[in-house]
């Protein structure tokens, strides 16, 4: 079964069931070794696993971030009727596919891909994961990616995302603003698919 079909089958139907919005954020561990460039020693990086940041250096604890991402997913599904999901919703065992490979496969299967970066202690890990996904996508697919960070988040990795891949980067002031921006971006992608300026994912 193709990944797109697997994702659709795993999720409760929405009005726009075939329009998949993959929501990512710093809420789970990932394989750092698989993501850093070959000439970089992971041991030299100071970033912790995504779910293990120092709560005292950021605004949120790990549980808070996961709760935020779940609310964003639910609002996109409930208010915009988009088929939004998190990786954990699909339930693929890491023994079957590692987290980095899952992220890339979900991104390739989805109509829109949203990276959400709240103010946590260290966003380097998320930046590496964003880079890993963007590097694996072709130019048309990169147009489907949006990176939305909370006001106050500053990272050389985030700046590099825009420069290297010409990715769409926005900031948000609160949860309502975050949902509004993600909804607007996703609807724009939907319109572009309908007009043919982006290929329809339903035909892939």
N, C-alpha and C. Protein backbone atom coordinates (compact mmCIF):
# COMPACT_ATOMS: atom_id res chain seq x y z
N UNK A 1 0.84 -1.20 0.00
CA UNK A 1 0.00 0.00 0.00
C UNK A 1 0.87 1.25 0.00
N UNK A 2 0.56 2.21 -0.86
CA UNK A 2 1.30 3.47 -0.88
C UNK A 2 1.10 4.22 0.42
N UNK A 3 2.09 5.05 0.76
CA UNK A 3 2.01 5.80 2.03
C UNK A 3 0.79 6.70 2.05
N UNK A 4 0.48 7.33 0.94
CA UNK A 4 -0.69 8.23 0.91
C UNK A 4 -1.97 7.46 1.27
N UNK A 5 -2.16 6.31 0.67
CA UNK A 5 -3.34 5.51 0.97
C UNK A 5 -3.33 5.05 2.43
N UNK A 6 -2.14 4.73 2.92
CA UNK A 6 -2.04 4.28 4.32
C UNK A 6 -2.45 5.39 5.28
N UNK A 7 -2.02 6.61 4.99
CA UNK A 7 -2.37 7.74 5.85
C UNK A 7 -3.87 8.00 5.81
N UNK A 8 -4.44 8.07 4.62
CA UNK A 8 -5.87 8.33 4.48
C UNK A 8 -6.69 7.27 5.21
N UNK A 9 -6.30 6.02 5.07
CA UNK A 9 -7.03 4.92 5.71
C UNK A 9 -6.94 4.98 7.24
N UNK A 10 -5.83 5.54 7.75
CA UNK A 10 -5.62 5.56 9.20
C UNK A 10 -6.38 6.67 9.90
N UNK A 11 -6.86 7.67 9.15
CA UNK A 11 -7.47 8.85 9.75
C UNK A 11 -8.99 8.84 9.61
N UNK A 12 -9.65 9.44 10.60
CA UNK A 12 -11.09 9.62 10.50
C UNK A 12 -11.40 10.56 9.32
N UNK A 13 -12.42 10.26 8.52
CA UNK A 13 -12.72 11.10 7.35
C UNK A 13 -13.08 12.53 7.74
N UNK A 14 -12.69 13.47 6.88
CA UNK A 14 -13.11 14.86 6.97
C UNK A 14 -13.74 15.24 5.63
N UNK A 15 -14.28 16.44 5.54
CA UNK A 15 -14.89 16.87 4.28
C UNK A 15 -13.88 16.81 3.15
N UNK A 16 -12.66 17.29 3.40
CA UNK A 16 -11.60 17.25 2.39
C UNK A 16 -10.64 16.12 2.74
N UNK A 17 -11.16 14.90 2.70
CA UNK A 17 -10.41 13.73 3.16
C UNK A 17 -9.12 13.53 2.37
N UNK A 18 -9.14 13.86 1.09
CA UNK A 18 -7.97 13.62 0.25
C UNK A 18 -6.94 14.75 0.32
N UNK A 19 -7.24 15.79 1.11
CA UNK A 19 -6.27 16.87 1.25
C UNK A 19 -5.55 16.69 2.59
N UNK A 20 -4.36 16.11 2.52
CA UNK A 20 -3.60 15.77 3.72
C UNK A 20 -2.68 16.91 4.13
N UNK A 21 -2.75 17.30 5.39
CA UNK A 21 -1.87 18.33 5.95
C UNK A 21 -1.05 17.68 7.05
N UNK A 22 0.23 17.51 6.79
CA UNK A 22 1.14 16.88 7.75
C UNK A 22 1.70 17.96 8.67
N UNK A 23 1.39 17.88 9.96
CA UNK A 23 1.83 18.87 10.94
C UNK A 23 2.99 18.28 11.74
N UNK A 24 4.11 19.00 11.75
CA UNK A 24 5.30 18.54 12.45
C UNK A 24 5.71 19.57 13.50
N UNK A 25 6.43 19.11 14.51
CA UNK A 25 6.94 20.02 15.53
C UNK A 25 7.88 19.27 16.46
N UNK A 26 8.47 19.96 17.42
CA UNK A 26 9.42 19.32 18.34
C UNK A 26 8.71 18.54 19.43
N UNK A 27 8.11 17.39 19.04
CA UNK A 27 7.34 16.64 20.02
C UNK A 27 7.76 15.19 20.13
N UNK A 28 8.78 14.77 19.39
CA UNK A 28 9.18 13.37 19.45
C UNK A 28 10.67 13.25 19.19
N UNK A 29 11.29 12.15 19.65
CA UNK A 29 12.69 11.92 19.33
C UNK A 29 12.85 11.59 17.86
N UNK A 30 14.03 11.77 17.33
CA UNK A 30 14.32 11.34 15.98
C UNK A 30 15.77 10.93 15.91
N UNK A 31 16.14 10.28 14.81
CA UNK A 31 17.48 9.74 14.65
C UNK A 31 18.41 10.83 14.16
N UNK A 32 19.11 11.48 15.07
CA UNK A 32 20.00 12.58 14.71
C UNK A 32 21.10 12.11 13.77
N UNK A 33 21.63 10.91 14.00
CA UNK A 33 22.71 10.40 13.16
C UNK A 33 22.29 10.35 11.69
N UNK A 34 21.01 10.03 11.45
CA UNK A 34 20.55 9.89 10.08
C UNK A 34 20.32 11.23 9.40
N UNK A 35 20.34 12.33 10.16
CA UNK A 35 19.96 13.62 9.60
C UNK A 35 21.12 14.59 9.40
N UNK A 36 22.16 14.46 10.20
CA UNK A 36 23.26 15.41 10.06
C UNK A 36 24.08 15.07 8.83
N UNK A 37 24.75 16.06 8.22
CA UNK A 37 25.60 15.79 7.05
C UNK A 37 26.72 14.81 7.40
N UNK A 38 27.25 14.14 6.36
CA UNK A 38 28.27 13.11 6.58
C UNK A 38 29.52 13.65 7.24
N UNK A 39 29.82 14.93 7.01
CA UNK A 39 31.06 15.48 7.55
C UNK A 39 30.89 16.11 8.94
N UNK A 40 29.72 15.89 9.57
CA UNK A 40 29.46 16.43 10.91
C UNK A 40 29.30 15.27 11.88
N UNK A 41 30.00 15.36 13.00
CA UNK A 41 29.89 14.34 14.05
C UNK A 41 28.72 14.71 14.95
N UNK A 42 27.67 13.86 15.04
CA UNK A 42 26.53 14.18 15.90
C UNK A 42 26.93 14.47 17.34
N UNK A 43 28.03 13.88 17.78
CA UNK A 43 28.48 14.11 19.16
C UNK A 43 28.91 15.56 19.38
N UNK A 44 29.22 16.27 18.30
CA UNK A 44 29.64 17.66 18.42
C UNK A 44 28.46 18.62 18.56
N UNK A 45 27.24 18.13 18.29
CA UNK A 45 26.06 18.98 18.39
C UNK A 45 25.58 19.03 19.83
N UNK A 46 25.11 20.20 20.23
CA UNK A 46 24.66 20.37 21.61
C UNK A 46 23.17 20.17 21.77
N UNK A 47 22.45 20.00 20.64
CA UNK A 47 20.99 19.86 20.73
C UNK A 47 20.62 18.52 21.36
N UNK A 48 19.65 18.52 22.27
CA UNK A 48 19.17 17.27 22.84
C UNK A 48 18.16 16.63 21.91
N UNK A 49 17.68 15.44 22.24
CA UNK A 49 16.56 14.87 21.51
C UNK A 49 15.39 15.83 21.61
N UNK A 50 14.55 15.84 20.61
CA UNK A 50 13.49 16.83 20.54
C UNK A 50 12.60 16.83 21.78
N UNK A 51 12.33 15.66 22.33
CA UNK A 51 11.40 15.59 23.45
C UNK A 51 12.10 15.79 24.79
N UNK A 52 13.39 16.16 24.77
CA UNK A 52 14.15 16.22 26.01
C UNK A 52 14.83 17.58 26.22
N UNK A 53 14.22 18.65 25.69
CA UNK A 53 14.84 19.95 25.88
C UNK A 53 14.70 20.38 27.34
N UNK A 54 15.49 21.35 27.72
CA UNK A 54 15.46 21.88 29.08
C UNK A 54 14.26 22.81 29.21
N UNK A 55 13.25 22.38 29.96
CA UNK A 55 12.03 23.17 30.08
C UNK A 55 12.29 24.57 30.61
N UNK A 56 13.36 24.76 31.37
CA UNK A 56 13.62 26.06 31.98
C UNK A 56 14.13 27.08 30.98
N UNK A 57 14.59 26.64 29.80
CA UNK A 57 15.13 27.58 28.83
C UNK A 57 14.10 28.03 27.81
N UNK A 58 12.91 27.47 27.84
CA UNK A 58 11.88 27.83 26.87
C UNK A 58 10.57 28.14 27.56
N UNK A 59 9.55 28.41 26.76
CA UNK A 59 8.25 28.76 27.29
C UNK A 59 7.41 27.52 27.61
N UNK A 60 7.74 26.38 26.99
CA UNK A 60 6.87 25.22 27.08
C UNK A 60 7.63 23.98 27.54
N UNK A 61 6.91 23.09 28.20
CA UNK A 61 7.40 21.74 28.45
C UNK A 61 7.00 20.86 27.27
N UNK A 62 7.62 19.68 27.17
CA UNK A 62 7.35 18.79 26.04
C UNK A 62 5.86 18.47 25.92
N UNK A 63 5.21 18.20 27.06
CA UNK A 63 3.78 17.87 27.03
C UNK A 63 2.96 19.05 26.51
N UNK A 64 3.37 20.27 26.80
CA UNK A 64 2.66 21.46 26.33
C UNK A 64 2.73 21.56 24.81
N UNK A 65 3.91 21.27 24.25
CA UNK A 65 4.08 21.37 22.81
C UNK A 65 3.25 20.32 22.10
N UNK A 66 3.27 19.09 22.60
CA UNK A 66 2.45 18.05 21.99
C UNK A 66 0.97 18.43 22.06
N UNK A 67 0.54 18.99 23.19
CA UNK A 67 -0.85 19.41 23.33
C UNK A 67 -1.18 20.51 22.32
N UNK A 68 -0.26 21.46 22.11
CA UNK A 68 -0.46 22.52 21.12
C UNK A 68 -0.62 21.94 19.73
N UNK A 69 0.26 21.02 19.36
CA UNK A 69 0.19 20.44 18.02
C UNK A 69 -1.10 19.65 17.82
N UNK A 70 -1.56 18.96 18.85
CA UNK A 70 -2.82 18.24 18.76
C UNK A 70 -3.99 19.19 18.59
N UNK A 71 -3.96 20.32 19.32
CA UNK A 71 -5.05 21.31 19.17
C UNK A 71 -5.05 21.90 17.77
N UNK A 72 -3.86 22.22 17.26
CA UNK A 72 -3.76 22.76 15.91
C UNK A 72 -4.30 21.76 14.90
N UNK A 73 -3.88 20.51 15.03
CA UNK A 73 -4.40 19.46 14.15
C UNK A 73 -5.92 19.39 14.22
N UNK A 74 -6.46 19.38 15.43
CA UNK A 74 -7.91 19.23 15.61
C UNK A 74 -8.66 20.43 15.05
N UNK A 75 -8.10 21.62 15.19
CA UNK A 75 -8.77 22.81 14.66
C UNK A 75 -8.73 22.83 13.13
N UNK A 76 -7.64 22.40 12.54
CA UNK A 76 -7.59 22.32 11.08
C UNK A 76 -8.59 21.29 10.57
N UNK A 77 -8.75 20.21 11.30
CA UNK A 77 -9.72 19.19 10.91
C UNK A 77 -11.16 19.66 11.17
N UNK A 78 -11.38 20.28 12.33
CA UNK A 78 -12.73 20.66 12.70
C UNK A 78 -13.22 21.94 12.05
N UNK A 79 -12.37 22.96 11.99
CA UNK A 79 -12.78 24.27 11.48
C UNK A 79 -12.62 24.36 9.96
N UNK A 80 -11.52 23.83 9.44
CA UNK A 80 -11.27 23.94 8.00
C UNK A 80 -11.62 22.67 7.25
N UNK A 81 -11.92 21.58 7.98
CA UNK A 81 -12.30 20.29 7.39
C UNK A 81 -11.17 19.67 6.58
N UNK A 82 -9.92 20.09 6.86
CA UNK A 82 -8.76 19.52 6.19
C UNK A 82 -8.35 18.25 6.92
N UNK A 83 -7.74 17.33 6.21
CA UNK A 83 -7.34 16.06 6.82
C UNK A 83 -5.94 16.20 7.42
N UNK A 84 -5.85 16.97 8.50
CA UNK A 84 -4.58 17.24 9.17
C UNK A 84 -4.23 16.08 10.10
N UNK A 85 -2.93 15.84 10.26
CA UNK A 85 -2.50 14.74 11.10
C UNK A 85 -1.08 14.95 11.61
N UNK A 86 -0.76 14.26 12.69
CA UNK A 86 0.59 14.17 13.22
C UNK A 86 1.13 12.78 12.89
N UNK A 87 2.44 12.63 12.92
CA UNK A 87 3.04 11.33 12.63
C UNK A 87 2.52 10.25 13.57
N UNK A 88 2.31 10.63 14.83
CA UNK A 88 1.86 9.63 15.82
C UNK A 88 0.46 9.13 15.54
N UNK A 89 -0.31 9.84 14.72
CA UNK A 89 -1.67 9.40 14.39
C UNK A 89 -1.67 8.18 13.48
N UNK A 90 -0.59 7.98 12.74
CA UNK A 90 -0.55 6.90 11.75
C UNK A 90 -0.08 5.60 12.38
N UNK A 91 0.73 5.69 13.42
CA UNK A 91 1.08 4.51 14.20
C UNK A 91 2.01 3.54 13.52
N UNK A 92 2.98 4.04 12.77
CA UNK A 92 3.96 3.16 12.14
C UNK A 92 5.08 2.88 13.14
N UNK A 93 5.37 1.63 13.37
CA UNK A 93 6.39 1.23 14.34
C UNK A 93 7.77 1.62 13.83
N UNK A 94 8.62 2.08 14.74
CA UNK A 94 9.97 2.49 14.36
C UNK A 94 10.80 1.31 13.86
N UNK A 95 10.43 0.08 14.24
CA UNK A 95 11.12 -1.09 13.72
C UNK A 95 10.82 -1.29 12.23
N UNK A 96 9.67 -0.78 11.80
CA UNK A 96 9.31 -0.86 10.38
C UNK A 96 9.94 0.25 9.57
N UNK A 97 9.94 1.45 10.13
CA UNK A 97 10.49 2.62 9.43
C UNK A 97 10.95 3.63 10.47
N UNK A 98 12.22 4.08 10.38
CA UNK A 98 12.72 5.03 11.37
C UNK A 98 12.03 6.37 11.24
N UNK A 99 12.15 7.19 12.28
CA UNK A 99 11.40 8.44 12.34
C UNK A 99 11.76 9.39 11.20
N UNK A 100 13.04 9.47 10.85
CA UNK A 100 13.44 10.35 9.76
C UNK A 100 12.81 9.92 8.44
N UNK A 101 12.83 8.63 8.17
CA UNK A 101 12.22 8.12 6.93
C UNK A 101 10.72 8.32 6.93
N UNK A 102 10.09 8.17 8.09
CA UNK A 102 8.65 8.43 8.19
C UNK A 102 8.34 9.88 7.83
N UNK A 103 9.11 10.81 8.38
CA UNK A 103 8.85 12.23 8.11
C UNK A 103 8.92 12.52 6.62
N UNK A 104 9.91 11.97 5.95
CA UNK A 104 10.06 12.19 4.51
C UNK A 104 8.90 11.55 3.75
N UNK A 105 8.54 10.32 4.13
CA UNK A 105 7.45 9.63 3.44
C UNK A 105 6.12 10.35 3.64
N UNK A 106 5.85 10.82 4.86
CA UNK A 106 4.61 11.56 5.11
C UNK A 106 4.59 12.86 4.30
N UNK A 107 5.73 13.55 4.25
CA UNK A 107 5.79 14.81 3.49
C UNK A 107 5.50 14.57 2.02
N UNK A 108 6.10 13.53 1.45
CA UNK A 108 5.87 13.23 0.03
C UNK A 108 4.43 12.82 -0.26
N UNK A 109 3.76 12.27 0.75
CA UNK A 109 2.39 11.81 0.57
C UNK A 109 1.36 12.90 0.77
N UNK A 110 1.75 14.03 1.38
CA UNK A 110 0.79 15.05 1.82
C UNK A 110 0.67 16.20 0.84
N UNK A 111 -0.48 16.85 0.87
CA UNK A 111 -0.69 18.03 0.03
C UNK A 111 0.02 19.25 0.57
N UNK A 112 0.04 19.39 1.90
CA UNK A 112 0.71 20.52 2.54
C UNK A 112 1.47 19.99 3.75
N UNK A 113 2.62 20.59 4.02
CA UNK A 113 3.48 20.17 5.13
C UNK A 113 3.76 21.39 5.99
N UNK A 114 3.43 21.31 7.27
CA UNK A 114 3.59 22.45 8.17
C UNK A 114 4.53 22.09 9.31
N UNK A 115 5.60 22.87 9.44
CA UNK A 115 6.50 22.76 10.58
C UNK A 115 6.15 23.87 11.56
N UNK A 116 5.86 23.51 12.79
CA UNK A 116 5.49 24.47 13.82
C UNK A 116 6.62 24.53 14.86
N UNK A 117 7.14 25.73 15.12
CA UNK A 117 8.25 25.89 16.05
C UNK A 117 7.88 26.87 17.16
N UNK A 118 7.34 26.36 18.27
CA UNK A 118 7.09 27.22 19.42
C UNK A 118 8.40 27.56 20.13
N UNK A 119 8.31 28.46 21.09
CA UNK A 119 9.51 28.91 21.82
C UNK A 119 9.90 27.84 22.85
N UNK A 120 10.75 26.91 22.43
CA UNK A 120 11.27 25.90 23.35
C UNK A 120 12.76 26.14 23.53
N UNK A 121 13.37 25.34 24.37
CA UNK A 121 14.76 25.60 24.73
C UNK A 121 15.74 25.50 23.58
N UNK A 122 15.51 24.59 22.65
CA UNK A 122 16.47 24.38 21.58
C UNK A 122 15.73 23.89 20.35
N UNK A 123 15.72 24.69 19.29
CA UNK A 123 15.03 24.31 18.06
C UNK A 123 15.96 23.73 17.02
N UNK A 124 17.24 23.48 17.37
CA UNK A 124 18.17 22.97 16.38
C UNK A 124 17.69 21.63 15.82
N UNK A 125 17.20 20.76 16.71
CA UNK A 125 16.75 19.46 16.24
C UNK A 125 15.64 19.58 15.22
N UNK A 126 14.67 20.45 15.47
CA UNK A 126 13.59 20.66 14.52
C UNK A 126 14.13 21.19 13.21
N UNK A 127 15.09 22.12 13.29
CA UNK A 127 15.69 22.66 12.08
C UNK A 127 16.36 21.58 11.25
N UNK A 128 17.03 20.64 11.91
CA UNK A 128 17.67 19.55 11.20
C UNK A 128 16.62 18.69 10.52
N UNK A 129 15.51 18.42 11.21
CA UNK A 129 14.46 17.59 10.63
C UNK A 129 13.81 18.30 9.44
N UNK A 130 13.59 19.61 9.55
CA UNK A 130 13.05 20.38 8.43
C UNK A 130 13.99 20.26 7.24
N UNK A 131 15.29 20.46 7.49
CA UNK A 131 16.28 20.37 6.41
C UNK A 131 16.29 19.01 5.76
N UNK A 132 16.18 17.96 6.56
CA UNK A 132 16.16 16.60 6.04
C UNK A 132 14.98 16.39 5.10
N UNK A 133 13.81 16.87 5.49
CA UNK A 133 12.62 16.72 4.65
C UNK A 133 12.75 17.56 3.39
N UNK A 134 13.14 18.82 3.52
CA UNK A 134 13.24 19.70 2.35
C UNK A 134 14.27 19.17 1.35
N UNK A 135 15.37 18.64 1.85
CA UNK A 135 16.40 18.10 0.96
C UNK A 135 15.88 16.93 0.15
N UNK A 136 14.92 16.18 0.71
CA UNK A 136 14.39 15.00 0.04
C UNK A 136 13.28 15.32 -0.96
N UNK A 137 12.77 16.56 -0.95
CA UNK A 137 11.67 16.94 -1.83
C UNK A 137 12.19 17.63 -3.08
N UNK A 138 11.44 17.52 -4.18
CA UNK A 138 11.80 18.28 -5.36
C UNK A 138 11.25 19.71 -5.25
N UNK A 139 11.54 20.54 -6.23
CA UNK A 139 11.20 21.96 -6.12
C UNK A 139 9.70 22.20 -5.97
N UNK A 140 8.88 21.48 -6.75
CA UNK A 140 7.43 21.66 -6.65
C UNK A 140 6.92 21.26 -5.27
N UNK A 141 7.46 20.17 -4.74
CA UNK A 141 7.00 19.72 -3.43
C UNK A 141 7.43 20.68 -2.33
N UNK A 142 8.56 21.34 -2.47
CA UNK A 142 9.00 22.30 -1.46
C UNK A 142 8.05 23.49 -1.37
N UNK A 143 7.33 23.75 -2.45
CA UNK A 143 6.34 24.83 -2.41
C UNK A 143 5.17 24.48 -1.50
N UNK A 144 5.05 23.22 -1.14
CA UNK A 144 3.98 22.76 -0.26
C UNK A 144 4.35 22.89 1.22
N UNK A 145 5.57 23.34 1.51
CA UNK A 145 6.09 23.37 2.88
C UNK A 145 6.01 24.78 3.45
N UNK A 146 5.52 24.88 4.69
CA UNK A 146 5.54 26.15 5.40
C UNK A 146 6.15 25.91 6.78
N UNK A 147 6.99 26.84 7.21
CA UNK A 147 7.62 26.80 8.53
C UNK A 147 7.10 28.00 9.30
N UNK A 148 6.37 27.74 10.40
CA UNK A 148 5.77 28.82 11.17
C UNK A 148 6.34 28.78 12.59
N UNK A 149 7.03 29.85 12.97
CA UNK A 149 7.66 29.88 14.29
C UNK A 149 7.04 30.97 15.16
N UNK A 150 7.03 30.70 16.44
CA UNK A 150 6.49 31.68 17.39
C UNK A 150 7.36 32.92 17.41
N UNK A 151 6.74 34.09 17.56
CA UNK A 151 7.50 35.32 17.71
C UNK A 151 8.53 35.15 18.82
N UNK A 152 9.74 35.57 18.55
CA UNK A 152 10.79 35.45 19.55
C UNK A 152 11.74 34.30 19.29
N UNK A 153 11.34 33.35 18.47
CA UNK A 153 12.25 32.24 18.13
C UNK A 153 13.30 32.77 17.17
N UNK A 154 14.55 32.58 17.53
CA UNK A 154 15.66 33.02 16.70
C UNK A 154 16.60 31.83 16.50
N UNK A 155 16.91 31.53 15.25
CA UNK A 155 17.77 30.39 14.97
C UNK A 155 18.44 30.57 13.62
N UNK A 156 19.75 30.34 13.57
CA UNK A 156 20.46 30.37 12.29
C UNK A 156 19.92 29.29 11.36
N UNK A 157 19.50 28.17 11.94
CA UNK A 157 18.94 27.09 11.14
C UNK A 157 17.65 27.54 10.46
N UNK A 158 16.80 28.29 11.19
CA UNK A 158 15.55 28.78 10.61
C UNK A 158 15.85 29.74 9.45
N UNK A 159 16.80 30.65 9.66
CA UNK A 159 17.17 31.58 8.60
C UNK A 159 17.70 30.83 7.39
N UNK A 160 18.46 29.76 7.65
CA UNK A 160 19.01 28.98 6.56
C UNK A 160 17.96 28.25 5.75
N UNK A 161 16.86 27.89 6.39
CA UNK A 161 15.78 27.21 5.69
C UNK A 161 15.26 28.07 4.54
N UNK A 162 15.07 29.34 4.83
CA UNK A 162 14.57 30.25 3.81
C UNK A 162 15.60 30.48 2.71
N UNK A 163 16.87 30.66 3.10
CA UNK A 163 17.90 30.95 2.11
C UNK A 163 18.20 29.76 1.22
N UNK A 164 18.38 28.59 1.81
CA UNK A 164 18.83 27.43 1.02
C UNK A 164 17.73 26.86 0.15
N UNK A 165 16.53 26.76 0.69
CA UNK A 165 15.46 26.08 -0.05
C UNK A 165 14.35 27.02 -0.50
N UNK A 166 14.52 28.31 -0.27
CA UNK A 166 13.50 29.28 -0.64
C UNK A 166 12.14 28.88 -0.07
N UNK A 167 12.17 28.38 1.17
CA UNK A 167 10.95 27.90 1.80
C UNK A 167 10.13 29.06 2.36
N UNK A 168 8.84 28.82 2.53
CA UNK A 168 7.95 29.80 3.11
C UNK A 168 8.09 29.78 4.63
N UNK A 169 8.41 30.93 5.22
CA UNK A 169 8.60 31.05 6.66
C UNK A 169 7.74 32.18 7.19
N UNK A 170 6.93 31.90 8.19
CA UNK A 170 6.10 32.91 8.85
C UNK A 170 6.33 32.84 10.35
N UNK A 171 5.91 33.90 11.04
CA UNK A 171 5.90 33.87 12.50
C UNK A 171 4.45 34.00 12.97
N UNK A 172 4.21 33.57 14.21
CA UNK A 172 2.86 33.68 14.77
C UNK A 172 2.93 34.23 16.19
N UNK A 173 1.86 34.92 16.61
CA UNK A 173 1.86 35.55 17.93
C UNK A 173 1.11 34.72 18.96
N UNK A 174 0.14 33.92 18.53
CA UNK A 174 -0.61 33.07 19.46
C UNK A 174 -1.22 31.92 18.67
N UNK A 175 -1.93 31.06 19.37
CA UNK A 175 -2.46 29.86 18.71
C UNK A 175 -3.47 30.20 17.62
N UNK A 176 -4.32 31.18 17.85
CA UNK A 176 -5.29 31.56 16.82
C UNK A 176 -4.59 32.02 15.55
N UNK A 177 -3.54 32.81 15.72
CA UNK A 177 -2.76 33.30 14.58
C UNK A 177 -2.09 32.14 13.86
N UNK A 178 -1.56 31.19 14.62
CA UNK A 178 -0.92 30.02 14.03
C UNK A 178 -1.91 29.23 13.18
N UNK A 179 -3.08 28.95 13.72
CA UNK A 179 -4.09 28.18 12.99
C UNK A 179 -4.52 28.94 11.74
N UNK A 180 -4.72 30.25 11.88
CA UNK A 180 -5.14 31.06 10.73
C UNK A 180 -4.11 30.98 9.61
N UNK A 181 -2.83 31.11 9.95
CA UNK A 181 -1.79 31.09 8.91
C UNK A 181 -1.69 29.71 8.25
N UNK A 182 -1.79 28.66 9.04
CA UNK A 182 -1.72 27.32 8.46
C UNK A 182 -2.92 27.05 7.57
N UNK A 183 -4.09 27.49 8.02
CA UNK A 183 -5.30 27.30 7.22
C UNK A 183 -5.19 28.06 5.90
N UNK A 184 -4.73 29.31 5.95
CA UNK A 184 -4.59 30.11 4.73
C UNK A 184 -3.59 29.49 3.77
N UNK A 185 -2.46 29.01 4.31
CA UNK A 185 -1.45 28.38 3.46
C UNK A 185 -2.01 27.12 2.81
N UNK A 186 -2.68 26.27 3.60
CA UNK A 186 -3.22 25.03 3.07
C UNK A 186 -4.27 25.29 1.99
N UNK A 187 -5.14 26.26 2.21
CA UNK A 187 -6.17 26.57 1.22
C UNK A 187 -5.55 27.10 -0.07
N UNK A 188 -4.47 27.85 0.06
CA UNK A 188 -3.76 28.32 -1.13
C UNK A 188 -3.21 27.14 -1.93
N UNK A 189 -2.63 26.16 -1.23
CA UNK A 189 -2.13 24.97 -1.92
C UNK A 189 -3.28 24.23 -2.59
N UNK A 190 -4.43 24.13 -1.90
CA UNK A 190 -5.60 23.47 -2.48
C UNK A 190 -6.04 24.18 -3.76
N UNK A 191 -6.08 25.50 -3.72
CA UNK A 191 -6.47 26.27 -4.90
C UNK A 191 -5.49 26.07 -6.04
N UNK A 192 -4.20 26.02 -5.71
CA UNK A 192 -3.18 25.82 -6.76
C UNK A 192 -3.31 24.44 -7.40
N UNK A 193 -3.67 23.45 -6.61
CA UNK A 193 -3.90 22.12 -7.18
C UNK A 193 -5.11 22.15 -8.11
N UNK A 194 -6.15 22.85 -7.69
CA UNK A 194 -7.38 22.89 -8.50
C UNK A 194 -7.16 23.63 -9.82
N UNK A 195 -6.27 24.64 -9.81
CA UNK A 195 -6.01 25.40 -11.04
C UNK A 195 -4.88 24.80 -11.87
N UNK A 196 -4.20 23.80 -11.33
CA UNK A 196 -3.16 23.13 -12.09
C UNK A 196 -1.76 23.68 -11.94
N UNK A 197 -1.57 24.71 -11.09
CA UNK A 197 -0.22 25.26 -10.92
C UNK A 197 0.64 24.37 -10.04
N UNK A 198 0.00 23.44 -9.30
CA UNK A 198 0.67 22.36 -8.61
C UNK A 198 -0.05 21.06 -8.98
N UNK A 199 0.70 19.97 -9.13
CA UNK A 199 0.04 18.69 -9.44
C UNK A 199 -0.87 18.27 -8.30
N UNK A 200 -1.98 17.65 -8.64
CA UNK A 200 -2.89 17.13 -7.63
C UNK A 200 -2.29 15.90 -6.98
N UNK A 201 -2.28 15.87 -5.66
CA UNK A 201 -1.76 14.70 -4.95
C UNK A 201 -2.67 13.48 -5.16
N UNK A 202 -3.92 13.71 -5.45
CA UNK A 202 -4.85 12.58 -5.61
C UNK A 202 -4.48 11.73 -6.83
N UNK A 203 -3.71 12.30 -7.75
CA UNK A 203 -3.33 11.54 -8.94
C UNK A 203 -1.97 10.86 -8.78
N UNK A 204 -1.33 11.07 -7.62
CA UNK A 204 -0.01 10.48 -7.41
C UNK A 204 -0.11 9.07 -6.87
